Amino acid sequence: MIEPAPSYRQVLRLPAVSQLLLAACWARLAGRTFALAIVFHALQRFDSPALAGWIAFTSMLPGMVVSPIAGALLDRFGAARIILIDLVASAVLLAALVVLDVARVATPAAVLVLVGLYSLTSPLSSAGIRTLIPRLVPVEARDRANALDTSINALVGVLGPVLAGLLFGFAGGAVTMAVIAALYSVAALSLLPLIRRPEDGRAGAPGRLMHDALAGLRYVLRHGALRGLAVSYALYMAGKGVLLIAVPVLVAREMATQAATDSLVGLLWAASGIAGSVGALGAGSARTLGREHWMIVAGTLGTAVACWPVGAVWGLYGLAAGLLLVGFMQGPIDVGTLTLRQRVTDPAWLGRSLAVSMSLNLCGLPIGAALGGWLASNAAHLLLPVAAATAVLSAIAAARLPVSGHAVGTSTGMR
């Protein structure tokens, strides 16, 4: 039987939870700032929406491809140490991008190579953080812990676009990328207390790493609920990828200068992040266990309405209202997805399963970004309707998730 859920304050007092969430906050702030800044960089340096879409695509896809290996590393060597590798690598690669930018030799090929390398290690922290959460909290606290995690993710979505927009608009690309590299460094330092804790990693023969990685991929693909979540969330993220390109393109039509465009885009995404934090905390308080997929359905349908007609009809005011609703709906979508994924996954497969399933869930984002770049150049009037259509398809997939036969897992206790 599931015990009464602890309060948010009690969850934060659990051993190592606060340290993990602090490191996650800095790392995600860096990542969210980079996601928008790299689009600004491509538009400013190369004046090509299509290339901006492909650079955004490259900044995400390689990590998704290698996610099974990332999951095997998490299960084998322990999540905290593996997360640290990603944070340090990200800081170094962005410092290299700063050097190229200052030297005026940042060609499209060089930028694509650096953002591709940046992407390769990204599953180590994105999956690692969410692998540690269910290992640090009991079952009855997971929806609250996931709500805190999602709320922090939404809040850094406020600061990330603000940093990207204001820094890029008034200080330029080199300063922006240097700040992001510094944020990754701070995240690495914040993670050090967890490095000292006993690790859950298991020893294994080096030659079996690929075997473990492929086993994790097979586990997810053969698991009906995880496979269905991958389809639903990938469709949802495809719409978010379209919006990543659509918002700066649509705002630029209404603004007089590039600096004003960059700043307004940052503020719009910031407002969306605030709404997302509110939505996540509300979803966590609602107790999602056992009915997660209906929360996902409601959130994705609300997202579709937010994109079209709300975001498309009333100019910048409609776009602002639509992004607020998109942000609010992301809260229940993410809390429902995280809780359901943890509930139906065998604890022995947690690292591999999360790395693979999260990458599959997110694979729609780079595809949507590339599609958004093409639409921006060839059929900009379809940007928001296409984003809405992907959200409707996501809701249909979520409604069909086979989750009724899965029991809630047992508590792992405090470690």
Protein backbone atom coordinates (compact mmCIF):
# COMPACT_ATOMS: atom_id res chain seq x y z
CA MET A 1 0.00 0.00 0.00
CA ILE A 2 1.29 3.47 -0.85
CA GLU A 3 1.89 5.65 2.22
CA PRO A 4 0.68 9.26 2.41
CA ALA A 5 2.90 11.54 0.38
CA PRO A 6 5.37 13.75 2.28
CA SER A 7 5.33 17.49 1.78
CA TYR A 8 7.65 19.24 -0.66
CA ARG A 9 9.72 20.45 2.30
CA GLN A 10 10.11 16.92 3.62
CA VAL A 11 11.23 15.70 0.20
CA LEU A 12 13.91 18.39 0.06
CA ARG A 13 15.20 17.25 3.47
CA LEU A 14 15.80 13.69 2.29
CA PRO A 15 19.53 12.82 2.11
CA ALA A 16 21.30 14.24 -0.98
CA VAL A 17 18.07 15.33 -2.70
CA SER A 18 18.78 19.05 -2.29
CA GLN A 19 22.34 18.67 -3.60
CA LEU A 20 21.13 16.76 -6.64
CA LEU A 21 18.44 19.31 -7.45
CA LEU A 22 20.93 22.18 -7.04
CA ALA A 23 23.36 20.60 -9.50
CA ALA A 24 20.45 19.88 -11.83
CA CYS A 25 19.38 23.52 -11.62
CA TRP A 26 22.76 24.87 -12.75
CA ALA A 27 23.19 22.24 -15.47
CA ARG A 28 19.72 22.77 -16.89
CA LEU A 29 20.08 26.53 -16.76
CA ALA A 30 23.18 26.14 -18.92
CA GLY A 31 21.42 23.75 -21.27
CA ARG A 32 18.31 25.88 -21.68
CA THR A 33 20.40 28.99 -22.30
CA PHE A 34 22.45 27.13 -24.90
CA ALA A 35 19.39 25.77 -26.72
CA LEU A 36 18.21 29.28 -27.60
CA ALA A 37 21.65 30.91 -27.82
CA ILE A 38 22.85 28.49 -30.50
CA VAL A 39 19.84 29.43 -32.65
CA PHE A 40 20.66 33.13 -32.17
CA HIS A 41 24.29 32.40 -33.01
CA ALA A 42 23.40 30.70 -36.28
CA LEU A 43 20.93 33.41 -37.30
CA GLN A 44 23.42 36.18 -36.48
CA ARG A 45 26.55 34.62 -37.95
CA PHE A 46 25.09 32.86 -41.00
CA ASP A 47 21.71 34.62 -41.58
CA SER A 48 19.98 31.33 -42.40
CA PRO A 49 16.88 29.99 -40.59
CA ALA A 50 17.37 26.63 -42.31
CA LEU A 51 20.96 26.35 -41.03
CA ALA A 52 19.78 27.42 -37.58
CA GLY A 53 17.36 24.51 -37.64
CA TRP A 54 20.10 22.05 -38.65
CA ILE A 55 22.47 23.34 -35.97
CA ALA A 56 19.72 22.89 -33.36
CA PHE A 57 19.13 19.42 -34.81
CA THR A 58 22.83 18.55 -34.51
CA SER A 59 22.99 19.82 -30.93
CA MET A 60 20.51 17.11 -29.91
CA LEU A 61 20.57 14.10 -32.25
CA PRO A 62 24.02 12.54 -31.58
CA GLY A 63 23.27 12.24 -27.87
CA MET A 64 20.03 10.46 -28.65
CA VAL A 65 21.86 7.97 -30.87
CA VAL A 66 24.38 7.04 -28.16
CA SER A 67 21.84 7.04 -25.31
CA PRO A 68 21.89 3.20 -24.91
CA ILE A 69 25.63 3.40 -24.17
CA ALA A 70 25.01 6.27 -21.74
CA GLY A 71 22.44 4.17 -19.90
CA ALA A 72 24.82 1.22 -19.65
CA LEU A 73 27.49 3.52 -18.20
CA LEU A 74 25.02 4.87 -15.62
CA ASP A 75 24.07 1.39 -14.43
CA ARG A 76 27.66 0.18 -14.44
CA PHE A 77 29.67 3.01 -12.89
CA GLY A 78 27.13 5.04 -10.90
CA ALA A 79 25.19 8.09 -11.99
CA ALA A 80 26.96 10.89 -10.11
CA ARG A 81 30.42 10.25 -11.59
CA ILE A 82 28.99 9.87 -15.08
CA ILE A 83 27.01 13.12 -14.80
CA LEU A 84 30.23 14.92 -13.86
CA ILE A 85 31.87 13.78 -17.11
CA ASP A 86 29.12 15.44 -19.14
CA LEU A 87 29.26 18.71 -17.19
CA VAL A 88 33.04 19.06 -17.60
CA ALA A 89 32.94 18.10 -21.30
CA SER A 90 30.16 20.62 -21.99
CA ALA A 91 32.12 23.43 -20.35
CA VAL A 92 35.23 22.62 -22.38
CA LEU A 93 33.39 22.41 -25.72
CA LEU A 94 31.60 25.71 -25.19
CA ALA A 95 34.89 27.34 -24.26
CA ALA A 96 36.21 26.10 -27.62
CA LEU A 97 33.20 27.66 -29.35
CA VAL A 98 34.01 30.97 -27.65
CA VAL A 99 37.59 30.80 -28.95
CA LEU A 100 36.39 30.18 -32.51
CA ASP A 101 33.88 33.02 -32.27
CA VAL A 102 36.42 35.52 -30.94
CA ALA A 103 38.92 34.47 -33.64
CA ARG A 104 36.19 34.92 -36.32
CA VAL A 105 36.74 31.40 -37.67
CA ALA A 106 33.41 29.90 -36.56
CA THR A 107 32.39 28.35 -39.89
CA PRO A 108 29.12 26.38 -40.20
CA ALA A 109 31.11 23.12 -40.30
CA ALA A 110 33.07 24.00 -37.15
CA VAL A 111 29.92 24.94 -35.24
CA LEU A 112 28.19 21.74 -36.36
CA VAL A 113 31.14 19.64 -35.15
CA LEU A 114 31.29 21.33 -31.74
CA VAL A 115 27.55 21.17 -31.08
CA GLY A 116 27.55 17.54 -32.23
CA LEU A 117 30.28 16.69 -29.70
CA TYR A 118 28.37 18.66 -27.07
CA SER A 119 25.34 16.49 -27.75
CA LEU A 120 27.23 13.19 -27.43
CA THR A 121 27.61 13.40 -23.65
CA SER A 122 24.26 15.08 -22.92
CA PRO A 123 22.36 11.84 -22.04
CA LEU A 124 24.82 11.24 -19.21
CA SER A 125 23.39 14.10 -17.14
CA SER A 126 19.83 14.25 -18.46
CA ALA A 127 19.22 10.56 -17.72
CA GLY A 128 21.62 10.45 -14.77
CA ILE A 129 19.74 13.05 -12.76
CA ARG A 130 16.44 11.25 -13.21
CA THR A 131 18.07 7.90 -12.50
CA LEU A 132 19.19 9.17 -9.09
CA ILE A 133 15.80 10.60 -8.06
CA PRO A 134 13.95 7.28 -7.58
CA ARG A 135 17.04 5.88 -5.85
CA LEU A 136 16.97 8.69 -3.30
CA VAL A 137 13.24 8.84 -2.50
CA PRO A 138 10.56 6.23 -1.64
CA VAL A 139 7.65 5.49 -3.98
CA GLU A 140 5.18 7.62 -2.04
CA ALA A 141 7.40 10.68 -2.54
CA ARG A 142 8.19 10.23 -6.22
CA ASP A 143 5.41 12.36 -7.67
CA ARG A 144 6.43 15.22 -5.35
CA ALA A 145 10.11 14.73 -6.18
CA ASN A 146 9.29 14.61 -9.89
CA ALA A 147 7.17 17.74 -9.51
CA LEU A 148 10.10 19.54 -7.85
CA ASP A 149 12.41 18.31 -10.61
CA THR A 150 9.97 19.44 -13.30
CA SER A 151 9.34 22.75 -11.56
CA ILE A 152 13.06 23.48 -11.37
CA ASN A 153 13.33 22.58 -15.04
CA ALA A 154 10.54 25.05 -15.78
CA LEU A 155 12.08 27.78 -13.62
CA VAL A 156 15.44 27.52 -15.33
CA GLY A 157 13.40 27.78 -18.50
CA VAL A 158 12.61 31.28 -17.25
CA LEU A 159 16.20 32.33 -16.63
CA GLY A 160 17.67 30.46 -19.61
CA PRO A 161 15.83 32.37 -22.33
CA VAL A 162 16.34 35.64 -20.43
CA LEU A 163 20.08 35.04 -20.30
CA ALA A 164 20.18 33.95 -23.93
CA GLY A 165 18.11 36.90 -25.14
CA LEU A 166 19.60 39.68 -23.03
CA LEU A 167 23.21 38.50 -23.16
CA PHE A 168 23.13 37.77 -26.87
CA GLY A 169 21.25 40.98 -27.64
CA PHE A 170 23.55 43.28 -25.69
CA ALA A 171 26.86 41.43 -25.13
CA GLY A 172 27.17 39.15 -28.17
CA GLY A 173 27.67 35.47 -28.78
CA ALA A 174 31.13 35.07 -27.22
CA VAL A 175 30.04 36.43 -23.83
CA THR A 176 26.86 34.35 -23.91
CA MET A 177 28.71 31.11 -24.60
CA ALA A 178 31.33 31.93 -21.95
CA VAL A 179 28.57 32.39 -19.36
CA ILE A 180 27.05 29.04 -20.33
CA ALA A 181 30.43 27.33 -19.94
CA ALA A 182 30.76 28.89 -16.48
CA LEU A 183 27.32 27.59 -15.50
CA TYR A 184 28.34 24.05 -16.44
CA SER A 185 31.44 24.46 -14.27
CA VAL A 186 29.34 25.59 -11.29
CA ALA A 187 27.05 22.58 -11.80
CA ALA A 188 30.05 20.27 -11.69
CA LEU A 189 31.19 21.80 -8.40
CA SER A 190 27.68 21.50 -6.95
CA LEU A 191 27.66 17.79 -7.74
CA LEU A 192 30.79 16.98 -5.73
CA PRO A 193 28.92 16.09 -2.49
CA LEU A 194 27.12 13.30 -4.36
CA ILE A 195 30.39 11.98 -5.77
CA ARG A 196 31.48 11.17 -2.22
CA ARG A 197 28.38 9.06 -1.56
CA PRO A 198 28.48 5.29 -2.13
CA GLU A 199 27.72 4.50 -5.76
CA ASP A 200 25.20 2.02 -7.10
CA GLY A 201 27.34 1.16 -10.09
CA ARG A 202 28.15 -2.49 -10.73
CA ALA A 203 31.38 -3.86 -12.10
CA GLY A 204 31.32 -5.51 -15.47
CA ALA A 205 33.56 -6.74 -18.23
CA PRO A 206 34.46 -3.88 -20.63
CA GLY A 207 33.53 -6.02 -23.60
CA ARG A 208 29.96 -6.31 -22.34
CA LEU A 209 29.27 -2.57 -22.41
CA MET A 210 27.70 -2.72 -25.88
CA HIS A 211 25.79 -5.84 -24.84
CA ASP A 212 24.34 -3.95 -21.86
CA ALA A 213 23.54 -0.94 -24.05
CA LEU A 214 21.68 -3.03 -26.63
CA ALA A 215 19.87 -4.90 -23.86
CA GLY A 216 18.59 -1.58 -22.52
CA LEU A 217 17.35 -0.61 -25.98
CA ARG A 218 15.56 -3.94 -26.37
CA TYR A 219 13.99 -3.59 -22.93
CA VAL A 220 12.43 -0.24 -23.82
CA LEU A 221 11.30 -1.27 -27.31
CA ARG A 222 9.62 -4.43 -25.99
CA HIS A 223 7.94 -2.62 -23.08
CA GLY A 224 4.49 -1.50 -24.21
CA ALA A 225 4.13 1.46 -21.87
CA LEU A 226 7.67 2.79 -22.39
CA ARG A 227 7.36 2.35 -26.15
CA GLY A 228 4.03 4.18 -26.15
CA LEU A 229 5.46 7.00 -24.04
CA ALA A 230 8.30 7.36 -26.53
CA VAL A 231 5.85 7.83 -29.39
CA SER A 232 3.60 10.24 -27.50
CA TYR A 233 6.35 12.40 -26.06
CA ALA A 234 8.36 12.45 -29.30
CA LEU A 235 5.33 13.87 -31.11
CA TYR A 236 4.86 16.44 -28.36
CA MET A 237 8.52 17.47 -28.55
CA ALA A 238 8.34 17.74 -32.34
CA GLY A 239 5.87 20.55 -31.80
CA LYS A 240 8.20 22.15 -29.25
CA GLY A 241 11.03 21.92 -31.80
CA VAL A 242 8.91 23.76 -34.36
CA LEU A 243 8.19 26.45 -31.75
CA LEU A 244 11.91 26.82 -31.01
CA ILE A 245 12.37 28.15 -34.55
CA ALA A 246 8.91 29.68 -34.99
CA VAL A 247 8.99 32.08 -32.05
CA PRO A 248 12.09 34.12 -33.03
CA VAL A 249 11.03 34.10 -36.69
CA LEU A 250 7.49 35.32 -35.93
CA VAL A 251 8.64 37.89 -33.38
CA ALA A 252 11.23 39.30 -35.84
CA ARG A 253 8.40 40.26 -38.21
CA GLU A 254 7.00 42.64 -35.60
CA MET A 255 10.17 44.17 -34.13
CA ALA A 256 12.39 46.91 -35.49
CA THR A 257 15.81 45.61 -34.39
CA GLN A 258 17.51 42.26 -33.83
CA ALA A 259 18.36 43.19 -30.22
CA ALA A 260 14.69 43.90 -29.49
CA THR A 261 13.73 40.60 -31.11
CA ASP A 262 16.25 38.61 -29.07
CA SER A 263 15.16 40.24 -25.82
CA LEU A 264 11.44 39.75 -26.45
CA VAL A 265 11.91 36.11 -27.45
CA GLY A 266 13.79 35.53 -24.21
CA LEU A 267 11.05 37.19 -22.16
CA LEU A 268 8.32 35.18 -23.89
CA TRP A 269 10.05 31.87 -23.13
CA ALA A 270 10.71 33.10 -19.59
CA ALA A 271 7.00 33.71 -19.02
CA SER A 272 6.30 30.26 -20.44
CA GLY A 273 8.78 28.77 -17.96
CA ILE A 274 7.07 30.46 -15.00
CA ALA A 275 3.74 29.01 -16.13
CA GLY A 276 5.40 25.59 -16.44
CA SER A 277 6.66 25.72 -12.85
CA VAL A 278 3.16 26.50 -11.59
CA GLY A 279 1.71 23.68 -13.69
CA ALA A 280 4.28 21.18 -12.40
CA LEU A 281 3.70 21.95 -8.71
CA GLY A 282 -0.03 21.73 -9.24
CA ALA A 283 0.33 18.36 -10.98
CA GLY A 284 2.51 17.02 -8.16
CA SER A 285 -0.04 18.07 -5.55
CA ALA A 286 -2.79 16.30 -7.50
CA ARG A 287 -1.24 12.84 -6.87
CA THR A 288 -0.70 11.39 -10.32
CA LEU A 289 -0.02 7.73 -9.46
CA GLY A 290 -2.29 5.43 -11.48
CA ARG A 291 -3.71 8.10 -13.78
CA GLU A 292 -0.61 9.62 -15.28
CA HIS A 293 -1.53 9.03 -18.92
CA TRP A 294 -4.78 11.00 -18.65
CA MET A 295 -2.81 13.93 -17.29
CA ILE A 296 -0.56 13.66 -20.35
CA VAL A 297 -3.60 13.60 -22.66
CA ALA A 298 -5.06 16.73 -21.08
CA GLY A 299 -1.72 18.54 -21.27
CA THR A 300 -1.06 17.74 -24.91
CA LEU A 301 -4.56 18.72 -26.01
CA GLY A 302 -4.16 22.01 -24.16
CA THR A 303 -0.83 22.51 -25.93
CA ALA A 304 -2.49 22.02 -29.32
CA VAL A 305 -5.07 24.72 -28.58
CA ALA A 306 -2.30 27.02 -27.33
CA CYS A 307 -0.38 26.71 -30.60
CA TRP A 308 -3.42 27.08 -32.82
CA PRO A 309 -5.66 29.00 -32.78
CA VAL A 310 -4.54 30.93 -29.67
CA GLY A 311 -0.92 31.52 -30.73
CA ALA A 312 -1.72 32.31 -34.34
CA VAL A 313 -4.73 34.62 -34.29
CA TRP A 314 -3.94 37.75 -32.27
CA GLY A 315 -0.39 38.65 -33.32
CA LEU A 316 2.22 39.05 -30.59
CA TYR A 317 -0.45 39.09 -27.88
CA GLY A 318 -1.83 35.77 -29.07
CA LEU A 319 1.67 34.31 -29.35
CA ALA A 320 2.42 35.40 -25.76
CA ALA A 321 -0.84 33.89 -24.48
CA GLY A 322 -0.18 30.70 -26.41
CA LEU A 323 3.32 30.31 -24.96
CA LEU A 324 1.98 30.83 -21.45
CA LEU A 325 -0.50 28.02 -22.00
CA VAL A 326 2.17 25.80 -23.61
CA GLY A 327 4.35 26.29 -20.53
CA PHE A 328 1.55 25.59 -18.06
CA MET A 329 0.58 22.40 -19.86
CA GLN A 330 4.15 21.13 -19.90
CA GLY A 331 4.02 20.77 -16.11
CA PRO A 332 1.40 17.98 -15.99
CA ILE A 333 2.84 16.38 -19.14
CA ASP A 334 6.32 16.07 -17.63
CA VAL A 335 5.21 15.04 -14.14
CA GLY A 336 2.90 12.41 -15.61
CA THR A 337 5.61 11.11 -17.95
CA LEU A 338 8.31 10.91 -15.26
CA THR A 339 6.08 9.22 -12.69
CA LEU A 340 4.66 6.72 -15.16
CA ARG A 341 8.11 5.85 -16.51
CA GLN A 342 9.47 5.21 -13.02
CA ARG A 343 6.37 3.24 -12.01
CA VAL A 344 6.52 0.75 -14.87
CA THR A 345 10.32 0.29 -15.05
CA ASP A 346 12.11 -2.58 -13.31
CA PRO A 347 14.59 -0.92 -10.84
CA ALA A 348 17.42 -3.14 -12.11
CA TRP A 349 17.03 -1.55 -15.56
CA LEU A 350 16.54 2.02 -14.38
CA GLY A 351 19.68 3.69 -15.79
CA ARG A 352 19.55 1.96 -19.17
CA SER A 353 15.80 2.33 -19.44
CA LEU A 354 15.79 6.03 -18.57
CA ALA A 355 18.65 6.91 -20.91
CA VAL A 356 17.05 5.12 -23.85
CA SER A 357 13.46 6.10 -23.18
CA MET A 358 14.30 9.76 -22.51
CA SER A 359 16.24 9.99 -25.77
CA LEU A 360 13.43 8.31 -27.67
CA ASN A 361 10.97 10.64 -25.96
CA LEU A 362 13.02 13.67 -26.99
CA CYS A 363 13.86 12.59 -30.54
CA GLY A 364 11.01 14.71 -31.86
CA LEU A 365 12.72 17.93 -30.74
CA PRO A 366 15.59 17.98 -33.29
CA ILE A 367 13.22 16.72 -36.00
CA GLY A 368 10.79 19.49 -35.14
CA ALA A 369 13.59 22.07 -35.13
CA ALA A 370 14.74 20.98 -38.59
CA LEU A 371 11.13 21.00 -39.82
CA GLY A 372 10.65 24.43 -38.26
CA GLY A 373 13.68 25.77 -40.12
CA TRP A 374 12.30 24.45 -43.43
CA LEU A 375 8.82 25.85 -42.75
CA ALA A 376 10.26 29.23 -41.74
CA SER A 377 11.95 29.48 -45.13
CA ASN A 378 9.18 28.04 -47.29
CA ALA A 379 5.78 28.12 -45.54
CA ALA A 380 5.98 30.22 -42.37
CA HIS A 381 2.18 30.45 -42.10
CA LEU A 382 2.13 26.71 -41.29
CA LEU A 383 4.54 26.87 -38.33
CA LEU A 384 1.92 27.09 -35.58
CA PRO A 385 -0.69 24.79 -37.19
CA VAL A 386 1.97 22.09 -37.62
CA ALA A 387 3.00 22.45 -33.97
CA ALA A 388 -0.66 22.06 -32.95
CA ALA A 389 -1.13 18.98 -35.15
CA THR A 390 1.81 17.18 -33.53
CA ALA A 391 0.34 17.85 -30.07
CA VAL A 392 -3.00 16.32 -31.12
CA LEU A 393 -1.22 13.21 -32.39
CA SER A 394 0.67 13.06 -29.08
CA ALA A 395 -2.61 13.10 -27.15
CA ILE A 396 -3.98 10.24 -29.26
CA ALA A 397 -0.87 8.15 -28.57
CA ALA A 398 -1.02 8.90 -24.82
CA ALA A 399 -4.68 7.86 -24.63
CA ARG A 400 -3.71 4.44 -26.01
CA LEU A 401 -0.91 3.74 -23.51
CA PRO A 402 -1.13 0.18 -22.06
CA VAL A 403 -0.63 1.07 -18.38
CA SER A 404 -3.52 -0.57 -16.49
CA GLY A 405 -1.71 -3.83 -15.83
CA HIS A 406 1.43 -2.36 -14.29
CA ALA A 407 1.79 -2.29 -10.52
CA VAL A 408 3.48 0.44 -8.59
CA GLY A 409 7.06 -0.47 -7.72
CA THR A 410 8.38 -0.84 -4.25
CA SER A 411 10.26 1.78 -2.34
CA THR A 412 14.01 1.76 -2.62
CA GLY A 413 14.41 3.56 0.66
CA MET A 414 17.04 6.14 1.63
CA ARG A 415 20.63 5.60 0.56
